[in-house]
Structure formats: C-alpha cells, structure tokens
Amino acid sequence: GVAAGLAITGKISFAGTFAGFATGRVYDQIRQSVAYSRTNVKI
C-alpha cells in the first residue's frame, strides 16, 4: 500500500521481500492497489 501511494506521487517504487511473502501473502493488495490501479510499483 505504501509503495502504491508513493507511486501515485510520481515515485518509482521497488517493494522487496521473499517471493512467498511478495505474492501469496499480499495478493489482495497487489490486485487492488498495484495491478488494478496500474501504479508504477515493481514487486
């Protein structure tokens, strides 16, 4: 969510963690705040 918020302000956000945590654990946030919203976030 923070990464998406920073991207909305014009930043290029790199959000990093282990792959298991970066996808399955946060799928709803990625779907809504990153993919659906087309924010400039790099997971």
All heavy atoms as atom14 arrays in JSON, in Angstrom:
{
  "sequence": "GVAAGLAITGKISFAGTFAGFATGRVYDQIRQSVAYSRTNVKI",
  "atom14_mask": [
    [1, 1, 1, 1, 0, 0, 0, 0, 0, 0, 0, 0, 0, 0],
    [1, 1, 1, 1, 1, 1, 1, 0, 0, 0, 0, 0, 0, 0],
    [1, 1, 1, 1, 1, 0, 0, 0, 0, 0, 0, 0, 0, 0],
    [1, 1, 1, 1, 1, 0, 0, 0, 0, 0, 0, 0, 0, 0],
    [1, 1, 1, 1, 0, 0, 0, 0, 0, 0, 0, 0, 0, 0],
    [1, 1, 1, 1, 1, 1, 1, 1, 0, 0, 0, 0, 0, 0],
    [1, 1, 1, 1, 1, 0, 0, 0, 0, 0, 0, 0, 0, 0],
    [1, 1, 1, 1, 1, 1, 1, 1, 0, 0, 0, 0, 0, 0],
    [1, 1, 1, 1, 1, 1, 1, 0, 0, 0, 0, 0, 0, 0],
    [1, 1, 1, 1, 0, 0, 0, 0, 0, 0, 0, 0, 0, 0],
    [1, 1, 1, 1, 1, 1, 1, 1, 1, 0, 0, 0, 0, 0],
    [1, 1, 1, 1, 1, 1, 1, 1, 0, 0, 0, 0, 0, 0],
    [1, 1, 1, 1, 1, 1, 0, 0, 0, 0, 0, 0, 0, 0],
    [1, 1, 1, 1, 1, 1, 1, 1, 1, 1, 1, 0, 0, 0],
    [1, 1, 1, 1, 1, 0, 0, 0, 0, 0, 0, 0, 0, 0],
    [1, 1, 1, 1, 0, 0, 0, 0, 0, 0, 0, 0, 0, 0],
    [1, 1, 1, 1, 1, 1, 1, 0, 0, 0, 0, 0, 0, 0],
    [1, 1, 1, 1, 1, 1, 1, 1, 1, 1, 1, 0, 0, 0],
    [1, 1, 1, 1, 1, 0, 0, 0, 0, 0, 0, 0, 0, 0],
    [1, 1, 1, 1, 0, 0, 0, 0, 0, 0, 0, 0, 0, 0],
    [1, 1, 1, 1, 1, 1, 1, 1, 1, 1, 1, 0, 0, 0],
    [1, 1, 1, 1, 1, 0, 0, 0, 0, 0, 0, 0, 0, 0],
    [1, 1, 1, 1, 1, 1, 1, 0, 0, 0, 0, 0, 0, 0],
    [1, 1, 1, 1, 0, 0, 0, 0, 0, 0, 0, 0, 0, 0],
    [1, 1, 1, 1, 1, 1, 1, 1, 1, 1, 1, 0, 0, 0],
    [1, 1, 1, 1, 1, 1, 1, 0, 0, 0, 0, 0, 0, 0],
    [1, 1, 1, 1, 1, 1, 1, 1, 1, 1, 1, 1, 0, 0],
    [1, 1, 1, 1, 1, 1, 1, 1, 0, 0, 0, 0, 0, 0],
    [1, 1, 1, 1, 1, 1, 1, 1, 1, 0, 0, 0, 0, 0],
    [1, 1, 1, 1, 1, 1, 1, 1, 0, 0, 0, 0, 0, 0],
    [1, 1, 1, 1, 1, 1, 1, 1, 1, 1, 1, 0, 0, 0],
    [1, 1, 1, 1, 1, 1, 1, 1, 1, 0, 0, 0, 0, 0],
    [1, 1, 1, 1, 1, 1, 0, 0, 0, 0, 0, 0, 0, 0],
    [1, 1, 1, 1, 1, 1, 1, 0, 0, 0, 0, 0, 0, 0],
    [1, 1, 1, 1, 1, 0, 0, 0, 0, 0, 0, 0, 0, 0],
    [1, 1, 1, 1, 1, 1, 1, 1, 1, 1, 1, 1, 0, 0],
    [1, 1, 1, 1, 1, 1, 0, 0, 0, 0, 0, 0, 0, 0],
    [1, 1, 1, 1, 1, 1, 1, 1, 1, 1, 1, 0, 0, 0],
    [1, 1, 1, 1, 1, 1, 1, 0, 0, 0, 0, 0, 0, 0],
    [1, 1, 1, 1, 1, 1, 1, 1, 0, 0, 0, 0, 0, 0],
    [1, 1, 1, 1, 1, 1, 1, 0, 0, 0, 0, 0, 0, 0],
    [1, 1, 1, 1, 1, 1, 1, 1, 1, 0, 0, 0, 0, 0],
    [1, 1, 1, 1, 1, 1, 1, 1, 0, 0, 0, 0, 0, 0]
  ],
  "atom14_positions": [
    [[0.82, -1.21, 0.0], [0.0, 0.0, 0.0], [0.85, 1.25, 0.0], [0.56, 2.22, -0.72], [0.0, 0.0, 0.0], [0.0, 0.0, 0.0], [0.0, 0.0, 0.0], [0.0, 0.0, 0.0], [0.0, 0.0, 0.0], [0.0, 0.0, 0.0], [0.0, 0.0, 0.0], [0.0, 0.0, 0.0], [0.0, 0.0, 0.0], [0.0, 0.0, 0.0]],
    [[1.91, 1.25, 0.8], [2.81, 2.4, 0.84], [3.5, 2.57, -0.52], [3.64, 3.69, -1.02], [3.85, 2.24, 1.97], [4.9, 3.35, 1.9], [3.16, 2.24, 3.32], [0.0, 0.0, 0.0], [0.0, 0.0, 0.0], [0.0, 0.0, 0.0], [0.0, 0.0, 0.0], [0.0, 0.0, 0.0], [0.0, 0.0, 0.0], [0.0, 0.0, 0.0]],
    [[3.93, 1.46, -1.11], [4.59, 1.52, -2.42], [3.66, 2.12, -3.47], [4.07, 2.96, -4.28], [5.04, 0.12, -2.85], [0.0, 0.0, 0.0], [0.0, 0.0, 0.0], [0.0, 0.0, 0.0], [0.0, 0.0, 0.0], [0.0, 0.0, 0.0], [0.0, 0.0, 0.0], [0.0, 0.0, 0.0], [0.0, 0.0, 0.0], [0.0, 0.0, 0.0]],
    [[2.38, 1.71, -3.44], [1.42, 2.25, -4.38], [1.18, 3.74, -4.12], [1.08, 4.54, -5.06], [0.1, 1.48, -4.28], [0.0, 0.0, 0.0], [0.0, 0.0, 0.0], [0.0, 0.0, 0.0], [0.0, 0.0, 0.0], [0.0, 0.0, 0.0], [0.0, 0.0, 0.0], [0.0, 0.0, 0.0], [0.0, 0.0, 0.0], [0.0, 0.0, 0.0]],
    [[1.11, 4.12, -2.85], [0.92, 5.53, -2.52], [2.07, 6.39, -3.0], [1.87, 7.48, -3.55], [0.0, 0.0, 0.0], [0.0, 0.0, 0.0], [0.0, 0.0, 0.0], [0.0, 0.0, 0.0], [0.0, 0.0, 0.0], [0.0, 0.0, 0.0], [0.0, 0.0, 0.0], [0.0, 0.0, 0.0], [0.0, 0.0, 0.0], [0.0, 0.0, 0.0]],
    [[3.3, 5.92, -2.81], [4.46, 6.65, -3.29], [4.46, 6.75, -4.81], [4.83, 7.8, -5.38], [5.74, 5.97, -2.81], [6.08, 6.13, -1.33], [7.17, 5.14, -0.91], [6.53, 7.56, -1.02], [0.0, 0.0, 0.0], [0.0, 0.0, 0.0], [0.0, 0.0, 0.0], [0.0, 0.0, 0.0], [0.0, 0.0, 0.0], [0.0, 0.0, 0.0]],
    [[4.02, 5.68, -5.48], [3.96, 5.71, -6.94], [2.96, 6.75, -7.44], [3.19, 7.41, -8.46], [3.6, 4.32, -7.48], [0.0, 0.0, 0.0], [0.0, 0.0, 0.0], [0.0, 0.0, 0.0], [0.0, 0.0, 0.0], [0.0, 0.0, 0.0], [0.0, 0.0, 0.0], [0.0, 0.0, 0.0], [0.0, 0.0, 0.0], [0.0, 0.0, 0.0]],
    [[1.87, 6.91, -6.73], [0.87, 7.91, -7.11], [1.46, 9.32, -7.07], [1.05, 10.21, -7.83], [-0.38, 7.78, -6.21], [-1.12, 6.48, -6.55], [-1.31, 8.98, -6.38], [-2.23, 6.14, -5.58], [0.0, 0.0, 0.0], [0.0, 0.0, 0.0], [0.0, 0.0, 0.0], [0.0, 0.0, 0.0], [0.0, 0.0, 0.0], [0.0, 0.0, 0.0]],
    [[2.43, 9.54, -6.21], [3.07, 10.86, -6.1], [4.16, 11.06, -7.15], [4.81, 12.11, -7.17], [3.67, 11.07, -4.7], [4.84, 10.25, -4.56], [2.67, 10.76, -3.62], [0.0, 0.0, 0.0], [0.0, 0.0, 0.0], [0.0, 0.0, 0.0], [0.0, 0.0, 0.0], [0.0, 0.0, 0.0], [0.0, 0.0, 0.0], [0.0, 0.0, 0.0]],
    [[4.4, 10.07, -7.99], [5.41, 10.19, -9.04], [6.67, 9.4, -8.81], [7.59, 9.43, -9.64], [0.0, 0.0, 0.0], [0.0, 0.0, 0.0], [0.0, 0.0, 0.0], [0.0, 0.0, 0.0], [0.0, 0.0, 0.0], [0.0, 0.0, 0.0], [0.0, 0.0, 0.0], [0.0, 0.0, 0.0], [0.0, 0.0, 0.0], [0.0, 0.0, 0.0]],
    [[6.75, 8.67, -7.71], [7.92, 7.85, -7.44], [7.84, 6.51, -8.18], [6.76, 6.06, -8.58], [8.07, 7.59, -5.94], [8.17, 8.84, -5.09], [9.37, 9.69, -5.48], [9.49, 10.92, -4.58], [10.61, 11.81, -5.02], [0.0, 0.0, 0.0], [0.0, 0.0, 0.0], [0.0, 0.0, 0.0], [0.0, 0.0, 0.0], [0.0, 0.0, 0.0]],
    [[9.0, 5.9, -8.38], [9.08, 4.55, -8.94], [9.42, 3.63, -7.78], [10.53, 3.65, -7.27], [10.16, 4.47, -10.04], [9.86, 5.47, -11.15], [10.25, 3.04, -10.6], [11.01, 5.65, -12.13], [0.0, 0.0, 0.0], [0.0, 0.0, 0.0], [0.0, 0.0, 0.0], [0.0, 0.0, 0.0], [0.0, 0.0, 0.0], [0.0, 0.0, 0.0]],
    [[8.44, 2.86, -7.35], [8.57, 2.08, -6.11], [9.04, 0.67, -6.38], [8.44, -0.07, -7.17], [7.22, 2.04, -5.39], [6.78, 3.33, -5.04], [0.0, 0.0, 0.0], [0.0, 0.0, 0.0], [0.0, 0.0, 0.0], [0.0, 0.0, 0.0], [0.0, 0.0, 0.0], [0.0, 0.0, 0.0], [0.0, 0.0, 0.0], [0.0, 0.0, 0.0]],
    [[10.1, 0.27, -5.68], [10.56, -1.12, -5.66], [10.24, -1.7, -4.29], [10.8, -1.26, -3.28], [12.07, -1.19, -5.92], [12.46, -1.09, -7.36], [12.44, 0.14, -8.01], [12.85, -2.21, -8.08], [12.81, 0.24, -9.34], [13.22, -2.12, -9.41], [13.2, -0.89, -10.05], [0.0, 0.0, 0.0], [0.0, 0.0, 0.0], [0.0, 0.0, 0.0]],
    [[9.33, -2.66, -4.25], [8.92, -3.28, -2.99], [9.46, -4.7, -2.95], [9.08, -5.55, -3.75], [7.4, -3.29, -2.87], [0.0, 0.0, 0.0], [0.0, 0.0, 0.0], [0.0, 0.0, 0.0], [0.0, 0.0, 0.0], [0.0, 0.0, 0.0], [0.0, 0.0, 0.0], [0.0, 0.0, 0.0], [0.0, 0.0, 0.0], [0.0, 0.0, 0.0]],
    [[10.38, -4.98, -1.98], [11.08, -6.24, -1.99], [10.93, -7.08, -0.74], [10.96, -6.57, 0.38], [0.0, 0.0, 0.0], [0.0, 0.0, 0.0], [0.0, 0.0, 0.0], [0.0, 0.0, 0.0], [0.0, 0.0, 0.0], [0.0, 0.0, 0.0], [0.0, 0.0, 0.0], [0.0, 0.0, 0.0], [0.0, 0.0, 0.0], [0.0, 0.0, 0.0]],
    [[10.78, -8.38, -0.95], [10.78, -9.36, 0.12], [10.92, -10.74, -0.52], [11.14, -10.85, -1.73], [9.51, -9.26, 0.99], [9.61, -10.19, 2.08], [8.25, -9.54, 0.2], [0.0, 0.0, 0.0], [0.0, 0.0, 0.0], [0.0, 0.0, 0.0], [0.0, 0.0, 0.0], [0.0, 0.0, 0.0], [0.0, 0.0, 0.0], [0.0, 0.0, 0.0]],
    [[10.81, -11.81, 0.27], [10.84, -13.16, -0.3], [9.63, -13.37, -1.21], [8.54, -12.83, -0.96], [10.83, -14.21, 0.8], [12.1, -14.29, 1.6], [12.2, -15.2, 2.64], [13.2, -13.49, 1.32], [13.38, -15.3, 3.39], [14.37, -13.58, 2.06], [14.45, -14.49, 3.1], [0.0, 0.0, 0.0], [0.0, 0.0, 0.0], [0.0, 0.0, 0.0]],
    [[9.8, -14.18, -2.25], [8.74, -14.38, -3.24], [7.44, -14.89, -2.62], [6.35, -14.5, -3.04], [9.22, -15.34, -4.33], [0.0, 0.0, 0.0], [0.0, 0.0, 0.0], [0.0, 0.0, 0.0], [0.0, 0.0, 0.0], [0.0, 0.0, 0.0], [0.0, 0.0, 0.0], [0.0, 0.0, 0.0], [0.0, 0.0, 0.0], [0.0, 0.0, 0.0]],
    [[7.56, -15.76, -1.63], [6.35, -16.28, -0.98], [5.56, -15.2, -0.29], [4.32, -15.22, -0.28], [0.0, 0.0, 0.0], [0.0, 0.0, 0.0], [0.0, 0.0, 0.0], [0.0, 0.0, 0.0], [0.0, 0.0, 0.0], [0.0, 0.0, 0.0], [0.0, 0.0, 0.0], [0.0, 0.0, 0.0], [0.0, 0.0, 0.0], [0.0, 0.0, 0.0]],
    [[6.26, -14.24, 0.3], [5.6, -13.15, 1.0], [5.18, -12.04, 0.04], [4.23, -11.3, 0.3], [6.53, -12.55, 2.06], [7.14, -13.56, 3.0], [8.39, -13.34, 3.54], [6.47, -14.73, 3.33], [8.96, -14.26, 4.41], [7.02, -15.66, 4.19], [8.28, -15.42, 4.74], [0.0, 0.0, 0.0], [0.0, 0.0, 0.0], [0.0, 0.0, 0.0]],
    [[5.9, -11.92, -1.07], [5.65, -10.84, -2.02], [4.45, -11.1, -2.91], [3.98, -10.2, -3.62], [6.88, -10.63, -2.9], [0.0, 0.0, 0.0], [0.0, 0.0, 0.0], [0.0, 0.0, 0.0], [0.0, 0.0, 0.0], [0.0, 0.0, 0.0], [0.0, 0.0, 0.0], [0.0, 0.0, 0.0], [0.0, 0.0, 0.0], [0.0, 0.0, 0.0]],
    [[3.92, -12.33, -2.89], [2.81, -12.68, -3.79], [1.61, -13.22, -3.01], [0.63, -12.53, -2.8], [3.27, -13.69, -4.84], [3.82, -14.84, -4.19], [4.31, -13.09, -5.75], [0.0, 0.0, 0.0], [0.0, 0.0, 0.0], [0.0, 0.0, 0.0], [0.0, 0.0, 0.0], [0.0, 0.0, 0.0], [0.0, 0.0, 0.0], [0.0, 0.0, 0.0]],
    [[1.73, -14.45, -2.52], [0.59, -15.08, -1.85], [0.1, -14.34, -0.63], [-1.11, -14.21, -0.41], [0.0, 0.0, 0.0], [0.0, 0.0, 0.0], [0.0, 0.0, 0.0], [0.0, 0.0, 0.0], [0.0, 0.0, 0.0], [0.0, 0.0, 0.0], [0.0, 0.0, 0.0], [0.0, 0.0, 0.0], [0.0, 0.0, 0.0], [0.0, 0.0, 0.0]],
    [[1.01, -13.83, 0.17], [0.62, -13.18, 1.42], [-0.1, -11.86, 1.17], [-0.9, -11.41, 2.01], [1.85, -12.96, 2.3], [1.56, -12.3, 3.63], [2.76, -12.3, 4.55], [3.07, -13.64, 5.04], [4.04, -13.9, 5.92], [4.8, -12.92, 6.39], [4.26, -15.13, 6.33], [0.0, 0.0, 0.0], [0.0, 0.0, 0.0], [0.0, 0.0, 0.0]],
    [[0.17, -11.2, 0.06], [-0.35, -9.84, -0.16], [-1.11, -9.74, -1.48], [-1.18, -8.67, -2.09], [0.8, -8.82, -0.14], [1.42, -8.75, 1.24], [1.89, -9.16, -1.16], [0.0, 0.0, 0.0], [0.0, 0.0, 0.0], [0.0, 0.0, 0.0], [0.0, 0.0, 0.0], [0.0, 0.0, 0.0], [0.0, 0.0, 0.0], [0.0, 0.0, 0.0]],
    [[-1.73, -10.84, -1.9], [-2.34, -10.85, -3.23], [-3.43, -9.81, -3.39], [-3.55, -9.15, -4.43], [-2.87, -12.25, -3.54], [-3.11, -12.49, -5.01], [-2.04, -12.61, -5.89], [-4.39, -12.6, -5.53], [-2.22, -12.84, -7.24], [-4.6, -12.83, -6.89], [-3.52, -12.94, -7.74], [-3.71, -13.16, -9.08], [0.0, 0.0, 0.0], [0.0, 0.0, 0.0]],
    [[-4.25, -9.64, -2.37], [-5.34, -8.67, -2.48], [-4.8, -7.25, -2.66], [-5.3, -6.49, -3.49], [-6.23, -8.73, -1.24], [-7.39, -7.76, -1.32], [-8.21, -7.88, -2.26], [-7.49, -6.87, -0.46], [0.0, 0.0, 0.0], [0.0, 0.0, 0.0], [0.0, 0.0, 0.0], [0.0, 0.0, 0.0], [0.0, 0.0, 0.0], [0.0, 0.0, 0.0]],
    [[-3.77, -6.9, -1.89], [-3.19, -5.56, -2.02], [-2.57, -5.35, -3.39], [-2.69, -4.27, -3.99], [-2.14, -5.33, -0.92], [-2.71, -5.07, 0.46], [-3.3, -6.32, 1.1], [-2.93, -7.44, 0.73], [-4.18, -6.13, 2.06], [0.0, 0.0, 0.0], [0.0, 0.0, 0.0], [0.0, 0.0, 0.0], [0.0, 0.0, 0.0], [0.0, 0.0, 0.0]],
    [[-1.9, -6.39, -3.91], [-1.32, -6.27, -5.25], [-2.42, -6.12, -6.29], [-2.34, -5.27, -7.19], [-0.45, -7.5, -5.57], [0.79, -7.52, -4.67], [-0.03, -7.5, -7.04], [1.61, -8.78, -4.8], [0.0, 0.0, 0.0], [0.0, 0.0, 0.0], [0.0, 0.0, 0.0], [0.0, 0.0, 0.0], [0.0, 0.0, 0.0], [0.0, 0.0, 0.0]],
    [[-3.45, -6.92, -6.16], [-4.55, -6.86, -7.14], [-5.2, -5.49, -7.17], [-5.42, -4.91, -8.24], [-5.58, -7.94, -6.81], [-6.73, -8.02, -7.81], [-7.73, -9.1, -7.43], [-8.75, -9.25, -8.46], [-9.86, -8.52, -8.53], [-10.08, -7.57, -7.64], [-10.74, -8.72, -9.5], [0.0, 0.0, 0.0], [0.0, 0.0, 0.0], [0.0, 0.0, 0.0]],
    [[-5.51, -4.97, -5.99], [-6.28, -3.72, -5.93], [-5.4, -2.48, -6.12], [-5.74, -1.58, -6.9], [-7.02, -3.63, -4.58], [-7.93, -4.8, -4.25], [-9.12, -4.89, -5.19], [-9.37, -4.02, -6.0], [-9.87, -5.97, -5.09], [0.0, 0.0, 0.0], [0.0, 0.0, 0.0], [0.0, 0.0, 0.0], [0.0, 0.0, 0.0], [0.0, 0.0, 0.0]],
    [[-4.3, -2.41, -5.37], [-3.53, -1.16, -5.31], [-2.44, -1.07, -6.36], [-1.95, 0.03, -6.64], [-2.89, -1.02, -3.92], [-3.88, -0.94, -2.91], [0.0, 0.0, 0.0], [0.0, 0.0, 0.0], [0.0, 0.0, 0.0], [0.0, 0.0, 0.0], [0.0, 0.0, 0.0], [0.0, 0.0, 0.0], [0.0, 0.0, 0.0], [0.0, 0.0, 0.0]],
    [[-2.05, -2.2, -6.93], [-0.97, -2.18, -7.91], [-1.49, -2.51, -9.31], [-1.42, -1.68, -10.22], [0.16, -3.16, -7.51], [1.27, -3.16, -8.55], [0.72, -2.79, -6.14], [0.0, 0.0, 0.0], [0.0, 0.0, 0.0], [0.0, 0.0, 0.0], [0.0, 0.0, 0.0], [0.0, 0.0, 0.0], [0.0, 0.0, 0.0], [0.0, 0.0, 0.0]],
    [[-2.02, -3.72, -9.52], [-2.43, -4.14, -10.86], [-3.66, -3.38, -11.35], [-3.64, -2.78, -12.43], [-2.68, -5.64, -10.88], [0.0, 0.0, 0.0], [0.0, 0.0, 0.0], [0.0, 0.0, 0.0], [0.0, 0.0, 0.0], [0.0, 0.0, 0.0], [0.0, 0.0, 0.0], [0.0, 0.0, 0.0], [0.0, 0.0, 0.0], [0.0, 0.0, 0.0]],
    [[-4.74, -3.42, -10.58], [-5.97, -2.73, -10.99], [-5.75, -1.23, -11.14], [-6.24, -0.6, -12.08], [-7.08, -3.01, -9.97], [-8.35, -2.23, -10.23], [-9.17, -2.55, -11.31], [-8.72, -1.18, -9.4], [-10.33, -1.83, -11.56], [-9.87, -0.45, -9.64], [-10.68, -0.78, -10.71], [-11.82, -0.06, -10.96], [0.0, 0.0, 0.0], [0.0, 0.0, 0.0]],
    [[-4.98, -0.67, -10.22], [-4.75, 0.78, -10.23], [-3.62, 1.21, -11.17], [-3.38, 2.4, -11.34], [-4.44, 1.25, -8.8], [-5.5, 0.94, -7.93], [0.0, 0.0, 0.0], [0.0, 0.0, 0.0], [0.0, 0.0, 0.0], [0.0, 0.0, 0.0], [0.0, 0.0, 0.0], [0.0, 0.0, 0.0], [0.0, 0.0, 0.0], [0.0, 0.0, 0.0]],
    [[-2.92, 0.24, -11.74], [-1.82, 0.49, -12.68], [-0.78, 1.44, -12.08], [-0.27, 2.34, -12.76], [-2.35, 1.06, -14.0], [-3.22, 0.11, -14.79], [-3.44, 0.58, -16.21], [-4.31, -0.32, -16.94], [-4.53, -0.27, -18.26], [-3.93, 0.66, -18.98], [-5.33, -1.13, -18.85], [0.0, 0.0, 0.0], [0.0, 0.0, 0.0], [0.0, 0.0, 0.0]],
    [[-0.46, 1.23, -10.83], [0.55, 2.06, -10.2], [1.95, 1.58, -10.6], [2.16, 0.41, -10.93], [0.41, 2.05, -8.67], [0.31, 0.7, -8.21], [-0.82, 2.83, -8.25], [0.0, 0.0, 0.0], [0.0, 0.0, 0.0], [0.0, 0.0, 0.0], [0.0, 0.0, 0.0], [0.0, 0.0, 0.0], [0.0, 0.0, 0.0], [0.0, 0.0, 0.0]],
    [[2.9, 2.5, -10.55], [4.25, 2.21, -11.02], [5.07, 1.54, -9.92], [6.05, 2.09, -9.42], [4.92, 3.51, -11.48], [6.08, 3.27, -12.43], [6.25, 2.17, -12.96], [6.87, 4.3, -12.66], [0.0, 0.0, 0.0], [0.0, 0.0, 0.0], [0.0, 0.0, 0.0], [0.0, 0.0, 0.0], [0.0, 0.0, 0.0], [0.0, 0.0, 0.0]],
    [[4.62, 0.33, -9.57], [5.24, -0.44, -8.48], [5.93, -1.67, -9.07], [5.35, -2.4, -9.88], [4.19, -0.88, -7.44], [4.82, -1.8, -6.39], [3.55, 0.34, -6.78], [0.0, 0.0, 0.0], [0.0, 0.0, 0.0], [0.0, 0.0, 0.0], [0.0, 0.0, 0.0], [0.0, 0.0, 0.0], [0.0, 0.0, 0.0], [0.0, 0.0, 0.0]],
    [[7.16, -1.88, -8.64], [7.92, -3.05, -9.05], [8.01, -4.0, -7.85], [8.64, -3.67, -6.84], [9.33, -2.66, -9.5], [9.41, -1.37, -10.31], [8.52, -1.36, -11.54], [8.55, 0.02, -12.18], [7.65, 0.11, -13.35], [0.0, 0.0, 0.0], [0.0, 0.0, 0.0], [0.0, 0.0, 0.0], [0.0, 0.0, 0.0], [0.0, 0.0, 0.0]],
    [[7.37, -5.14, -7.96], [7.41, -6.15, -6.9], [8.64, -7.01, -7.16], [8.71, -7.71, -8.17], [6.12, -6.98, -6.9], [4.91, -6.07, -6.69], [6.18, -8.06, -5.82], [3.6, -6.69, -7.1], [0.0, 0.0, 0.0], [0.0, 0.0, 0.0], [0.0, 0.0, 0.0], [0.0, 0.0, 0.0], [0.0, 0.0, 0.0], [0.0, 0.0, 0.0]]
  ]
}
